[in-house]
PDB file of all heavy atoms in Angstrom:
ATOM      1  N   ILE A   1      -6.778  -9.289 -11.544  1.00  0.00           N
ATOM      2  CA  ILE A   1      -6.308  -8.127 -10.800  1.00  0.00           C
ATOM      3  C   ILE A   1      -4.784  -8.114 -10.800  1.00  0.00           C
ATOM      4  O   ILE A   1      -4.147  -9.101 -10.447  1.00  0.00           O
ATOM      5  CB  ILE A   1      -6.833  -8.142  -9.360  1.00  0.00           C
ATOM      6  CG1 ILE A   1      -8.346  -7.910  -9.341  1.00  0.00           C
ATOM      7  CG2 ILE A   1      -6.119  -7.092  -8.516  1.00  0.00           C
ATOM      8  CD1 ILE A   1      -8.758  -6.524  -9.781  1.00  0.00           C
ATOM      9  N   ASN A   2      -4.200  -6.999 -11.208  1.00  0.00           N
ATOM     10  CA  ASN A   2      -2.750  -6.896 -11.294  1.00  0.00           C
ATOM     11  C   ASN A   2      -2.121  -6.115 -10.152  1.00  0.00           C
ATOM     12  O   ASN A   2      -0.974  -6.365  -9.796  1.00  0.00           O
ATOM     13  CB  ASN A   2      -2.340  -6.254 -12.617  1.00  0.00           C
ATOM     14  CG  ASN A   2      -2.571  -7.153 -13.802  1.00  0.00           C
ATOM     15  OD1 ASN A   2      -2.355  -8.363 -13.727  1.00  0.00           O
ATOM     16  ND2 ASN A   2      -3.008  -6.571 -14.910  1.00  0.00           N
ATOM     17  N   ALA A   3      -2.847  -5.171  -9.609  1.00  0.00           N
ATOM     18  CA  ALA A   3      -2.304  -4.351  -8.544  1.00  0.00           C
ATOM     19  C   ALA A   3      -3.310  -4.200  -7.410  1.00  0.00           C
ATOM     20  O   ALA A   3      -4.505  -4.029  -7.646  1.00  0.00           O
ATOM     21  CB  ALA A   3      -1.908  -2.976  -9.066  1.00  0.00           C
ATOM     22  N   MET A   4      -2.818  -4.271  -6.204  1.00  0.00           N
ATOM     23  CA  MET A   4      -3.651  -4.072  -5.029  1.00  0.00           C
ATOM     24  C   MET A   4      -2.881  -3.206  -4.048  1.00  0.00           C
ATOM     25  O   MET A   4      -1.653  -3.268  -3.988  1.00  0.00           O
ATOM     26  CB  MET A   4      -4.026  -5.402  -4.373  1.00  0.00           C
ATOM     27  CG  MET A   4      -4.794  -6.337  -5.290  1.00  0.00           C
ATOM     28  SD  MET A   4      -5.312  -7.878  -4.466  1.00  0.00           S
ATOM     29  CE  MET A   4      -6.648  -7.257  -3.416  1.00  0.00           C
ATOM     30  N   GLY A   5      -3.616  -2.418  -3.294  1.00  0.00           N
ATOM     31  CA  GLY A   5      -2.953  -1.544  -2.355  1.00  0.00           C
ATOM     32  C   GLY A   5      -3.831  -1.172  -1.185  1.00  0.00           C
ATOM     33  O   GLY A   5      -5.016  -1.502  -1.138  1.00  0.00           O
ATOM     34  N   TRP A   6      -3.217  -0.493  -0.242  1.00  0.00           N
ATOM     35  CA  TRP A   6      -3.902   0.002   0.932  1.00  0.00           C
ATOM     36  C   TRP A   6      -3.784   1.512   1.004  1.00  0.00           C
ATOM     37  O   TRP A   6      -2.693   2.072   0.832  1.00  0.00           O
ATOM     38  CB  TRP A   6      -3.319  -0.601   2.207  1.00  0.00           C
ATOM     39  CG  TRP A   6      -3.621  -2.057   2.394  1.00  0.00           C
ATOM     40  CD1 TRP A   6      -2.858  -3.115   2.027  1.00  0.00           C
ATOM     41  CD2 TRP A   6      -4.795  -2.594   3.004  1.00  0.00           C
ATOM     42  NE1 TRP A   6      -3.473  -4.288   2.373  1.00  0.00           N
ATOM     43  CE2 TRP A   6      -4.663  -4.005   2.972  1.00  0.00           C
ATOM     44  CE3 TRP A   6      -5.938  -2.039   3.579  1.00  0.00           C
ATOM     45  CZ2 TRP A   6      -5.642  -4.855   3.496  1.00  0.00           C
ATOM     46  CZ3 TRP A   6      -6.912  -2.877   4.089  1.00  0.00           C
ATOM     47  CH2 TRP A   6      -6.753  -4.268   4.048  1.00  0.00           C
ATOM     48  N   TYR A   7      -4.904   2.161   1.243  1.00  0.00           N
ATOM     49  CA  TYR A   7      -4.954   3.588   1.492  1.00  0.00           C
ATOM     50  C   TYR A   7      -5.502   3.801   2.894  1.00  0.00           C
ATOM     51  O   TYR A   7      -6.120   2.906   3.476  1.00  0.00           O
ATOM     52  CB  TYR A   7      -5.861   4.295   0.485  1.00  0.00           C
ATOM     53  CG  TYR A   7      -5.278   4.424  -0.909  1.00  0.00           C
ATOM     54  CD1 TYR A   7      -5.158   3.320  -1.739  1.00  0.00           C
ATOM     55  CD2 TYR A   7      -4.856   5.663  -1.390  1.00  0.00           C
ATOM     56  CE1 TYR A   7      -4.628   3.434  -3.014  1.00  0.00           C
ATOM     57  CE2 TYR A   7      -4.330   5.792  -2.670  1.00  0.00           C
ATOM     58  CZ  TYR A   7      -4.221   4.673  -3.470  1.00  0.00           C
ATOM     59  OH  TYR A   7      -3.695   4.804  -4.738  1.00  0.00           O
ATOM     60  N   ARG A   8      -5.285   4.984   3.434  1.00  0.00           N
ATOM     61  CA  ARG A   8      -5.873   5.309   4.722  1.00  0.00           C
ATOM     62  C   ARG A   8      -6.317   6.757   4.737  1.00  0.00           C
ATOM     63  O   ARG A   8      -5.788   7.592   4.018  1.00  0.00           O
ATOM     64  CB  ARG A   8      -4.900   5.036   5.866  1.00  0.00           C
ATOM     65  CG  ARG A   8      -3.682   5.960   5.908  1.00  0.00           C
ATOM     66  CD  ARG A   8      -2.736   5.532   7.018  1.00  0.00           C
ATOM     67  NE  ARG A   8      -1.567   6.390   7.108  1.00  0.00           N
ATOM     68  CZ  ARG A   8      -0.530   6.159   7.905  1.00  0.00           C
ATOM     69  NH1 ARG A   8      -0.527   5.078   8.693  1.00  0.00           N
ATOM     70  NH2 ARG A   8       0.499   6.997   7.921  1.00  0.00           N
ATOM     71  N   GLN A   9      -7.308   7.032   5.562  1.00  0.00           N
ATOM     72  CA  GLN A   9      -7.825   8.380   5.683  1.00  0.00           C
ATOM     73  C   GLN A   9      -8.185   8.661   7.136  1.00  0.00           C
ATOM     74  O   GLN A   9      -9.001   7.961   7.726  1.00  0.00           O
ATOM     75  CB  GLN A   9      -9.050   8.584   4.791  1.00  0.00           C
ATOM     76  CG  GLN A   9      -9.552  10.009   4.754  1.00  0.00           C
ATOM     77  CD  GLN A   9     -10.557  10.240   3.648  1.00  0.00           C
ATOM     78  OE1 GLN A   9     -11.226   9.302   3.208  1.00  0.00           O
ATOM     79  NE2 GLN A   9     -10.663  11.473   3.184  1.00  0.00           N
ATOM     80  N   ALA A  10      -7.554   9.675   7.689  1.00  0.00           N
ATOM     81  CA  ALA A  10      -7.851  10.128   9.035  1.00  0.00           C
ATOM     82  C   ALA A  10      -8.849  11.279   8.950  1.00  0.00           C
ATOM     83  O   ALA A  10      -8.936  11.956   7.923  1.00  0.00           O
ATOM     84  CB  ALA A  10      -6.572  10.577   9.738  1.00  0.00           C
ATOM     85  N   PRO A  11      -9.606  11.523  10.017  1.00  0.00           N
ATOM     86  CA  PRO A  11     -10.586  12.613  10.004  1.00  0.00           C
ATOM     87  C   PRO A  11      -9.949  13.950   9.641  1.00  0.00           C
ATOM     88  O   PRO A  11      -8.926  14.328  10.202  1.00  0.00           O
ATOM     89  CB  PRO A  11     -11.112  12.622  11.439  1.00  0.00           C
ATOM     90  CG  PRO A  11     -10.947  11.219  11.900  1.00  0.00           C
ATOM     91  CD  PRO A  11      -9.649  10.772  11.286  1.00  0.00           C
ATOM     92  N   GLY A  12     -10.551  14.649   8.690  1.00  0.00           N
ATOM     93  CA  GLY A  12     -10.051  15.947   8.277  1.00  0.00           C
ATOM     94  C   GLY A  12      -8.853  15.917   7.361  1.00  0.00           C
ATOM     95  O   GLY A  12      -8.319  16.978   7.015  1.00  0.00           O
ATOM     96  N   LYS A  13      -8.415  14.743   6.960  1.00  0.00           N
ATOM     97  CA  LYS A  13      -7.261  14.618   6.089  1.00  0.00           C
ATOM     98  C   LYS A  13      -7.618  13.882   4.806  1.00  0.00           C
ATOM     99  O   LYS A  13      -8.624  13.178   4.740  1.00  0.00           O
ATOM    100  CB  LYS A  13      -6.121  13.894   6.806  1.00  0.00           C
ATOM    101  CG  LYS A  13      -5.604  14.620   8.039  1.00  0.00           C
ATOM    102  CD  LYS A  13      -4.430  13.899   8.655  1.00  0.00           C
ATOM    103  CE  LYS A  13      -3.896  14.646   9.861  1.00  0.00           C
ATOM    104  NZ  LYS A  13      -2.735  13.944  10.470  1.00  0.00           N
ATOM    105  N   GLN A  14      -6.787  14.068   3.782  1.00  0.00           N
ATOM    106  CA  GLN A  14      -7.005  13.399   2.509  1.00  0.00           C
ATOM    107  C   GLN A  14      -6.613  11.932   2.586  1.00  0.00           C
ATOM    108  O   GLN A  14      -5.760  11.539   3.380  1.00  0.00           O
ATOM    109  CB  GLN A  14      -6.205  14.089   1.400  1.00  0.00           C
ATOM    110  CG  GLN A  14      -6.664  15.502   1.077  1.00  0.00           C
ATOM    111  CD  GLN A  14      -5.924  16.077  -0.109  1.00  0.00           C
ATOM    112  OE1 GLN A  14      -4.754  15.771  -0.331  1.00  0.00           O
ATOM    113  NE2 GLN A  14      -6.608  16.906  -0.880  1.00  0.00           N
ATOM    114  N   ARG A  15      -7.257  11.141   1.743  1.00  0.00           N
ATOM    115  CA  ARG A  15      -6.891   9.739   1.659  1.00  0.00           C
ATOM    116  C   ARG A  15      -5.504   9.622   1.028  1.00  0.00           C
ATOM    117  O   ARG A  15      -5.213  10.265   0.026  1.00  0.00           O
ATOM    118  CB  ARG A  15      -7.925   8.979   0.825  1.00  0.00           C
ATOM    119  CG  ARG A  15      -7.742   7.471   0.824  1.00  0.00           C
ATOM    120  CD  ARG A  15      -8.919   6.769   0.141  1.00  0.00           C
ATOM    121  NE  ARG A  15     -10.177   7.038   0.816  1.00  0.00           N
ATOM    122  CZ  ARG A  15     -11.340   6.474   0.481  1.00  0.00           C
ATOM    123  NH1 ARG A  15     -11.390   5.601  -0.509  1.00  0.00           N
ATOM    124  NH2 ARG A  15     -12.440   6.791   1.146  1.00  0.00           N
ATOM    125  N   GLU A  16      -4.652   8.805   1.624  1.00  0.00           N
ATOM    126  CA  GLU A  16      -3.292   8.671   1.151  1.00  0.00           C
ATOM    127  C   GLU A  16      -2.909   7.210   0.938  1.00  0.00           C
ATOM    128  O   GLU A  16      -3.414   6.314   1.619  1.00  0.00           O
ATOM    129  CB  GLU A  16      -2.307   9.305   2.142  1.00  0.00           C
ATOM    130  CG  GLU A  16      -2.271   8.617   3.499  1.00  0.00           C
ATOM    131  CD  GLU A  16      -1.197   9.160   4.419  1.00  0.00           C
ATOM    132  OE1 GLU A  16      -0.330   9.922   3.956  1.00  0.00           O
ATOM    133  OE2 GLU A  16      -1.218   8.817   5.622  1.00  0.00           O
ATOM    134  N   LEU A  17      -2.021   6.999   0.007  1.00  0.00           N
ATOM    135  CA  LEU A  17      -1.505   5.658  -0.252  1.00  0.00           C
ATOM    136  C   LEU A  17      -0.595   5.234   0.887  1.00  0.00           C
ATOM    137  O   LEU A  17       0.306   5.969   1.279  1.00  0.00           O
ATOM    138  CB  LEU A  17      -0.739   5.620  -1.574  1.00  0.00           C
ATOM    139  CG  LEU A  17      -0.055   4.293  -1.914  1.00  0.00           C
ATOM    140  CD1 LEU A  17      -1.099   3.208  -2.186  1.00  0.00           C
ATOM    141  CD2 LEU A  17       0.869   4.456  -3.111  1.00  0.00           C
ATOM    142  N   VAL A  18      -0.823   4.041   1.402  1.00  0.00           N
ATOM    143  CA  VAL A  18       0.009   3.477   2.450  1.00  0.00           C
ATOM    144  C   VAL A  18       1.017   2.506   1.851  1.00  0.00           C
ATOM    145  O   VAL A  18       2.217   2.586   2.111  1.00  0.00           O
ATOM    146  CB  VAL A  18      -0.836   2.757   3.516  1.00  0.00           C
ATOM    147  CG1 VAL A  18       0.063   2.100   4.566  1.00  0.00           C
ATOM    148  CG2 VAL A  18      -1.809   3.733   4.168  1.00  0.00           C
ATOM    149  N   ALA A  19       0.527   1.572   1.053  1.00  0.00           N
ATOM    150  CA  ALA A  19       1.381   0.574   0.424  1.00  0.00           C
ATOM    151  C   ALA A  19       0.651  -0.045  -0.754  1.00  0.00           C
ATOM    152  O   ALA A  19      -0.573  -0.109  -0.764  1.00  0.00           O
ATOM    153  CB  ALA A  19       1.791  -0.515   1.429  1.00  0.00           C
ATOM    154  N   ALA A  20       1.405  -0.509  -1.738  1.00  0.00           N
ATOM    155  CA  ALA A  20       0.819  -1.148  -2.904  1.00  0.00           C
ATOM    156  C   ALA A  20       1.740  -2.236  -3.411  1.00  0.00           C
ATOM    157  O   ALA A  20       2.956  -2.196  -3.181  1.00  0.00           O
ATOM    158  CB  ALA A  20       0.559  -0.129  -4.009  1.00  0.00           C
ATOM    159  N   ILE A  21       1.162  -3.204  -4.113  1.00  0.00           N
ATOM    160  CA  ILE A  21       1.939  -4.301  -4.668  1.00  0.00           C
ATOM    161  C   ILE A  21       1.358  -4.696  -6.018  1.00  0.00           C
ATOM    162  O   ILE A  21       0.143  -4.727  -6.202  1.00  0.00           O
ATOM    163  CB  ILE A  21       1.977  -5.507  -3.700  1.00  0.00           C
ATOM    164  CG1 ILE A  21       2.919  -6.592  -4.221  1.00  0.00           C
ATOM    165  CG2 ILE A  21       0.577  -6.051  -3.455  1.00  0.00           C
ATOM    166  CD1 ILE A  21       3.231  -7.665  -3.183  1.00  0.00           C
ATOM    167  N   THR A  22       2.232  -4.979  -6.987  1.00  0.00           N
ATOM    168  CA  THR A  22       1.807  -5.377  -8.322  1.00  0.00           C
ATOM    169  C   THR A  22       1.859  -6.890  -8.475  1.00  0.00           C
ATOM    170  O   THR A  22       2.366  -7.606  -7.606  1.00  0.00           O
ATOM    171  CB  THR A  22       2.701  -4.744  -9.396  1.00  0.00           C
ATOM    172  OG1 THR A  22       4.022  -5.311  -9.306  1.00  0.00           O
ATOM    173  CG2 THR A  22       2.790  -3.233  -9.222  1.00  0.00           C
ATOM    174  N   ARG A  23       1.338  -7.381  -9.613  1.00  0.00           N
ATOM    175  CA  ARG A  23       1.394  -8.805  -9.906  1.00  0.00           C
ATOM    176  C   ARG A  23       2.836  -9.293  -9.938  1.00  0.00           C
ATOM    177  O   ARG A  23       3.119 -10.425  -9.533  1.00  0.00           O
ATOM    178  CB  ARG A  23       0.711  -9.085 -11.245  1.00  0.00           C
ATOM    179  CG  ARG A  23       0.737 -10.548 -11.675  1.00  0.00           C
ATOM    180  CD  ARG A  23      -0.249 -11.379 -10.889  1.00  0.00           C
ATOM    181  NE  ARG A  23      -1.627 -11.063 -11.262  1.00  0.00           N
ATOM    182  CZ  ARG A  23      -2.690 -11.684 -10.769  1.00  0.00           C
ATOM    183  NH1 ARG A  23      -2.536 -12.638  -9.867  1.00  0.00           N
ATOM    184  NH2 ARG A  23      -3.910 -11.330 -11.163  1.00  0.00           N
ATOM    185  N   GLY A  24       3.742  -8.443 -10.409  1.00  0.00           N
ATOM    186  CA  GLY A  24       5.142  -8.807 -10.487  1.00  0.00           C
ATOM    187  C   GLY A  24       5.888  -8.716  -9.169  1.00  0.00           C
ATOM    188  O   GLY A  24       7.070  -9.053  -9.115  1.00  0.00           O
ATOM    189  N   GLY A  25       5.219  -8.268  -8.129  1.00  0.00           N
ATOM    190  CA  GLY A  25       5.836  -8.209  -6.816  1.00  0.00           C
ATOM    191  C   GLY A  25       6.473  -6.889  -6.455  1.00  0.00           C
ATOM    192  O   GLY A  25       7.069  -6.766  -5.379  1.00  0.00           O
ATOM    193  N   THR A  26       6.365  -5.899  -7.325  1.00  0.00           N
ATOM    194  CA  THR A  26       6.905  -4.586  -7.017  1.00  0.00           C
ATOM    195  C   THR A  26       6.072  -3.923  -5.929  1.00  0.00           C
ATOM    196  O   THR A  26       4.848  -3.907  -6.009  1.00  0.00           O
ATOM    197  CB  THR A  26       6.917  -3.693  -8.269  1.00  0.00           C
ATOM    198  OG1 THR A  26       7.705  -4.306  -9.290  1.00  0.00           O
ATOM    199  CG2 THR A  26       7.497  -2.322  -7.946  1.00  0.00           C
ATOM    200  N   THR A  27       6.719  -3.393  -4.929  1.00  0.00           N
ATOM    201  CA  THR A  27       6.018  -2.761  -3.817  1.00  0.00           C
ATOM    202  C   THR A  27       6.332  -1.281  -3.729  1.00  0.00           C
ATOM    203  O   THR A  27       7.365  -0.812  -4.205  1.00  0.00           O
ATOM    204  CB  THR A  27       6.375  -3.432  -2.485  1.00  0.00           C
ATOM    205  OG1 THR A  27       7.792  -3.374  -2.281  1.00  0.00           O
ATOM    206  CG2 THR A  27       5.929  -4.885  -2.479  1.00  0.00           C
ATOM    207  N   LYS A  28       5.424  -0.568  -3.102  1.00  0.00           N
ATOM    208  CA  LYS A  28       5.588   0.863  -2.886  1.00  0.00           C
ATOM    209  C   LYS A  28       5.044   1.176  -1.502  1.00  0.00           C
ATOM    210  O   LYS A  28       3.990   0.669  -1.118  1.00  0.00           O
ATOM    211  CB  LYS A  28       4.833   1.659  -3.947  1.00  0.00           C
ATOM    212  CG  LYS A  28       4.916   3.176  -3.789  1.00  0.00           C
ATOM    213  CD  LYS A  28       4.113   3.866  -4.879  1.00  0.00           C
ATOM    214  CE  LYS A  28       4.130   5.380  -4.714  1.00  0.00           C
ATOM    215  NZ  LYS A  28       5.500   5.923  -4.902  1.00  0.00           N
ATOM    216  N   TYR A  29       5.760   2.007  -0.757  1.00  0.00           N
ATOM    217  CA  TYR A  29       5.342   2.373   0.589  1.00  0.00           C
ATOM    218  C   TYR A  29       5.416   3.873   0.792  1.00  0.00           C
ATOM    219  O   TYR A  29       6.288   4.549   0.244  1.00  0.00           O
ATOM    220  CB  TYR A  29       6.239   1.715   1.640  1.00  0.00           C
ATOM    221  CG  TYR A  29       6.162   0.215   1.688  1.00  0.00           C
ATOM    222  CD1 TYR A  29       7.061  -0.572   0.980  1.00  0.00           C
ATOM    223  CD2 TYR A  29       5.182  -0.420   2.450  1.00  0.00           C
ATOM    224  CE1 TYR A  29       6.995  -1.958   1.027  1.00  0.00           C
ATOM    225  CE2 TYR A  29       5.108  -1.806   2.502  1.00  0.00           C
ATOM    226  CZ  TYR A  29       6.018  -2.565   1.789  1.00  0.00           C
ATOM    227  OH  TYR A  29       5.944  -3.946   1.844  1.00  0.00           O
ATOM    228  N   ALA A  30       4.501   4.377   1.597  1.00  0.00           N
ATOM    229  CA  ALA A  30       4.600   5.761   2.028  1.00  0.00           C
ATOM    230  C   ALA A  30       5.806   5.892   2.945  1.00  0.00           C
ATOM    231  O   ALA A  30       6.136   4.968   3.692  1.00  0.00           O
ATOM    232  CB  ALA A  30       3.333   6.179   2.762  1.00  0.00           C
ATOM    233  N   ASP A  31       6.470   7.034   2.891  1.00  0.00           N
ATOM    234  CA  ASP A  31       7.645   7.244   3.727  1.00  0.00           C
ATOM    235  C   ASP A  31       7.333   7.055   5.211  1.00  0.00           C
ATOM    236  O   ASP A  31       8.176   6.580   5.978  1.00  0.00           O
ATOM    237  CB  ASP A  31       8.207   8.652   3.500  1.00  0.00           C
ATOM    238  CG  ASP A  31       8.848   8.807   2.138  1.00  0.00           C
ATOM    239  OD1 ASP A  31       9.178   7.794   1.498  1.00  0.00           O
ATOM    240  OD2 ASP A  31       9.025   9.964   1.702  1.00  0.00           O
ATOM    241  N   SER A  32       6.137   7.401   5.611  1.00  0.00           N
ATOM    242  CA  SER A  32       5.762   7.337   7.013  1.00  0.00           C
ATOM    243  C   SER A  32       5.639   5.917   7.560  1.00  0.00           C
ATOM    244  O   SER A  32       5.655   5.722   8.774  1.00  0.00           O
ATOM    245  CB  SER A  32       4.442   8.082   7.243  1.00  0.00           C
ATOM    246  OG  SER A  32       3.403   7.520   6.462  1.00  0.00           O
ATOM    247  N   VAL A  33       5.512   4.929   6.673  1.00  0.00           N
ATOM    248  CA  VAL A  33       5.348   3.550   7.126  1.00  0.00           C
ATOM    249  C   VAL A  33       6.495   2.649   6.695  1.00  0.00           C
ATOM    250  O   VAL A  33       6.542   1.479   7.084  1.00  0.00           O
ATOM    251  CB  VAL A  33       4.014   2.942   6.635  1.00  0.00           C
ATOM    252  CG1 VAL A  33       2.849   3.841   7.030  1.00  0.00           C
ATOM    253  CG2 VAL A  33       4.036   2.722   5.125  1.00  0.00           C
ATOM    254  N   LEU A  34       7.406   3.175   5.910  1.00  0.00           N
ATOM    255  CA  LEU A  34       8.517   2.388   5.400  1.00  0.00           C
ATOM    256  C   LEU A  34       9.326   1.790   6.549  1.00  0.00           C
ATOM    257  O   LEU A  34       9.721   2.490   7.472  1.00  0.00           O
ATOM    258  CB  LEU A  34       9.417   3.253   4.520  1.00  0.00           C
ATOM    259  CG  LEU A  34      10.515   2.544   3.725  1.00  0.00           C
ATOM    260  CD1 LEU A  34       9.901   1.590   2.717  1.00  0.00           C
ATOM    261  CD2 LEU A  34      11.404   3.561   3.029  1.00  0.00           C
ATOM    262  N   GLY A  35       9.554   0.490   6.486  1.00  0.00           N
ATOM    263  CA  GLY A  35      10.286  -0.195   7.536  1.00  0.00           C
ATOM    264  C   GLY A  35       9.419  -0.725   8.656  1.00  0.00           C
ATOM    265  O   GLY A  35       9.883  -1.525   9.473  1.00  0.00           O
ATOM    266  N   ARG A  36       8.170  -0.296   8.704  1.00  0.00           N
ATOM    267  CA  ARG A  36       7.249  -0.743   9.748  1.00  0.00           C
ATOM    268  C   ARG A  36       6.111  -1.603   9.195  1.00  0.00           C
ATOM    269  O   ARG A  36       5.654  -2.529   9.865  1.00  0.00           O
ATOM    270  CB  ARG A  36       6.642   0.453  10.483  1.00  0.00           C
ATOM    271  CG  ARG A  36       7.671   1.327  11.192  1.00  0.00           C
ATOM    272  CD  ARG A  36       6.991   2.381  12.063  1.00  0.00           C
ATOM    273  NE  ARG A  36       6.167   3.307  11.285  1.00  0.00           N
ATOM    274  CZ  ARG A  36       4.853   3.457  11.433  1.00  0.00           C
ATOM    275  NH1 ARG A  36       4.200   2.738  12.346  1.00  0.00           N
ATOM    276  NH2 ARG A  36       4.190   4.336  10.689  1.00  0.00           N
ATOM    277  N   PHE A  37       5.652  -1.287   7.986  1.00  0.00           N
ATOM    278  CA  PHE A  37       4.553  -2.016   7.366  1.00  0.00           C
ATOM    279  C   PHE A  37       5.073  -2.883   6.231  1.00  0.00           C
ATOM    280  O   PHE A  37       6.032  -2.516   5.538  1.00  0.00           O
ATOM    281  CB  PHE A  37       3.513  -1.051   6.784  1.00  0.00           C
ATOM    282  CG  PHE A  37       2.735  -0.261   7.803  1.00  0.00           C
ATOM    283  CD1 PHE A  37       3.081  -0.254   9.145  1.00  0.00           C
ATOM    284  CD2 PHE A  37       1.639   0.488   7.400  1.00  0.00           C
ATOM    285  CE1 PHE A  37       2.359   0.481  10.079  1.00  0.00           C
ATOM    286  CE2 PHE A  37       0.910   1.228   8.313  1.00  0.00           C
ATOM    287  CZ  PHE A  37       1.269   1.225   9.650  1.00  0.00           C
ATOM    288  N   THR A  38       4.417  -4.006   5.998  1.00  0.00           N
ATOM    289  CA  THR A  38       4.765  -4.897   4.902  1.00  0.00           C
ATOM    290  C   THR A  38       3.504  -5.327   4.171  1.00  0.00           C
ATOM    291  O   THR A  38       2.559  -5.810   4.795  1.00  0.00           O
ATOM    292  CB  THR A  38       5.511  -6.143   5.398  1.00  0.00           C
ATOM    293  OG1 THR A  38       6.703  -5.755   6.087  1.00  0.00           O
ATOM    294  CG2 THR A  38       5.894  -7.034   4.222  1.00  0.00           C
ATOM    295  N   ILE A  39       3.488  -5.148   2.855  1.00  0.00           N
ATOM    296  CA  ILE A  39       2.352  -5.567   2.056  1.00  0.00           C
ATOM    297  C   ILE A  39       2.687  -6.861   1.328  1.00  0.00           C
ATOM    298  O   ILE A  39       3.814  -7.062   0.879  1.00  0.00           O
ATOM    299  CB  ILE A  39       1.930  -4.467   1.053  1.00  0.00           C
ATOM    300  CG1 ILE A  39       0.613  -4.833   0.368  1.00  0.00           C
ATOM    301  CG2 ILE A  39       3.032  -4.208   0.028  1.00  0.00           C
ATOM    302  CD1 ILE A  39       0.013  -3.699  -0.455  1.00  0.00           C
ATOM    303  N   SER A  40       1.703  -7.744   1.219  1.00  0.00           N
ATOM    304  CA  SER A  40       1.872  -8.993   0.494  1.00  0.00           C
ATOM    305  C   SER A  40       0.528  -9.377  -0.122  1.00  0.00           C
ATOM    306  O   SER A  40      -0.514  -8.851   0.273  1.00  0.00           O
ATOM    307  CB  SER A  40       2.391 -10.109   1.409  1.00  0.00           C
ATOM    308  OG  SER A  40       1.484 -10.359   2.468  1.00  0.00           O
ATOM    309  N   ARG A  41       0.546 -10.283  -1.085  1.00  0.00           N
ATOM    310  CA  ARG A  41      -0.695 -10.698  -1.731  1.00  0.00           C
ATOM    311  C   ARG A  41      -0.668 -12.168  -2.098  1.00  0.00           C
ATOM    312  O   ARG A  41       0.401 -12.775  -2.225  1.00  0.00           O
ATOM    313  CB  ARG A  41      -0.974  -9.849  -2.975  1.00  0.00           C
ATOM    314  CG  ARG A  41       0.023 -10.047  -4.108  1.00  0.00           C
ATOM    315  CD  ARG A  41      -0.303  -9.144  -5.291  1.00  0.00           C
ATOM    316  NE  ARG A  41      -1.575  -9.505  -5.913  1.00  0.00           N
ATOM    317  CZ  ARG A  41      -2.168  -8.810  -6.878  1.00  0.00           C
ATOM    318  NH1 ARG A  41      -1.600  -7.689  -7.327  1.00  0.00           N
ATOM    319  NH2 ARG A  41      -3.320  -9.216  -7.389  1.00  0.00           N
ATOM    320  N   ASP A  42      -1.861 -12.716  -2.266  1.00  0.00           N
ATOM    321  CA  ASP A  42      -2.037 -14.110  -2.614  1.00  0.00           C
ATOM    322  C   ASP A  42      -2.645 -14.195  -4.000  1.00  0.00           C
ATOM    323  O   ASP A  42      -3.812 -14.556  -4.158  1.00  0.00           O
ATOM    324  CB  ASP A  42      -2.919 -14.804  -1.576  1.00  0.00           C
ATOM    325  CG  ASP A  42      -3.126 -16.271  -1.868  1.00  0.00           C
ATOM    326  OD1 ASP A  42      -2.384 -16.840  -2.685  1.00  0.00           O
ATOM    327  OD2 ASP A  42      -4.042 -16.867  -1.263  1.00  0.00           O
ATOM    328  N   SER A  43      -1.870 -13.827  -5.021  1.00  0.00           N
ATOM    329  CA  SER A  43      -2.259 -13.937  -6.427  1.00  0.00           C
ATOM    330  C   SER A  43      -3.663 -13.414  -6.709  1.00  0.00           C
ATOM    331  O   SER A  43      -4.504 -14.106  -7.273  1.00  0.00           O
ATOM    332  CB  SER A  43      -2.128 -15.391  -6.901  1.00  0.00           C
ATOM    333  OG  SER A  43      -0.805 -15.851  -6.777  1.00  0.00           O
ATOM    334  N   ALA A  44      -3.922 -12.195  -6.295  1.00  0.00           N
ATOM    335  CA  ALA A  44      -5.175 -11.482  -6.541  1.00  0.00           C
ATOM    336  C   ALA A  44      -6.353 -11.969  -5.701  1.00  0.00           C
ATOM    337  O   ALA A  44      -7.462 -11.443  -5.831  1.00  0.00           O
ATOM    338  CB  ALA A  44      -5.543 -11.512  -8.019  1.00  0.00           C
TER     339      ALA A  44
END
């Protein structure tokens, strides 16, 4: 597994990306959670 992430879905809304991380450690965050949430992984 090279990439893992978290999505969320509230009632009546579309599923959205919250945060993701690659094998190389690159991270991505939704603007709404940036600075508040942190994603990490243990080698897949």
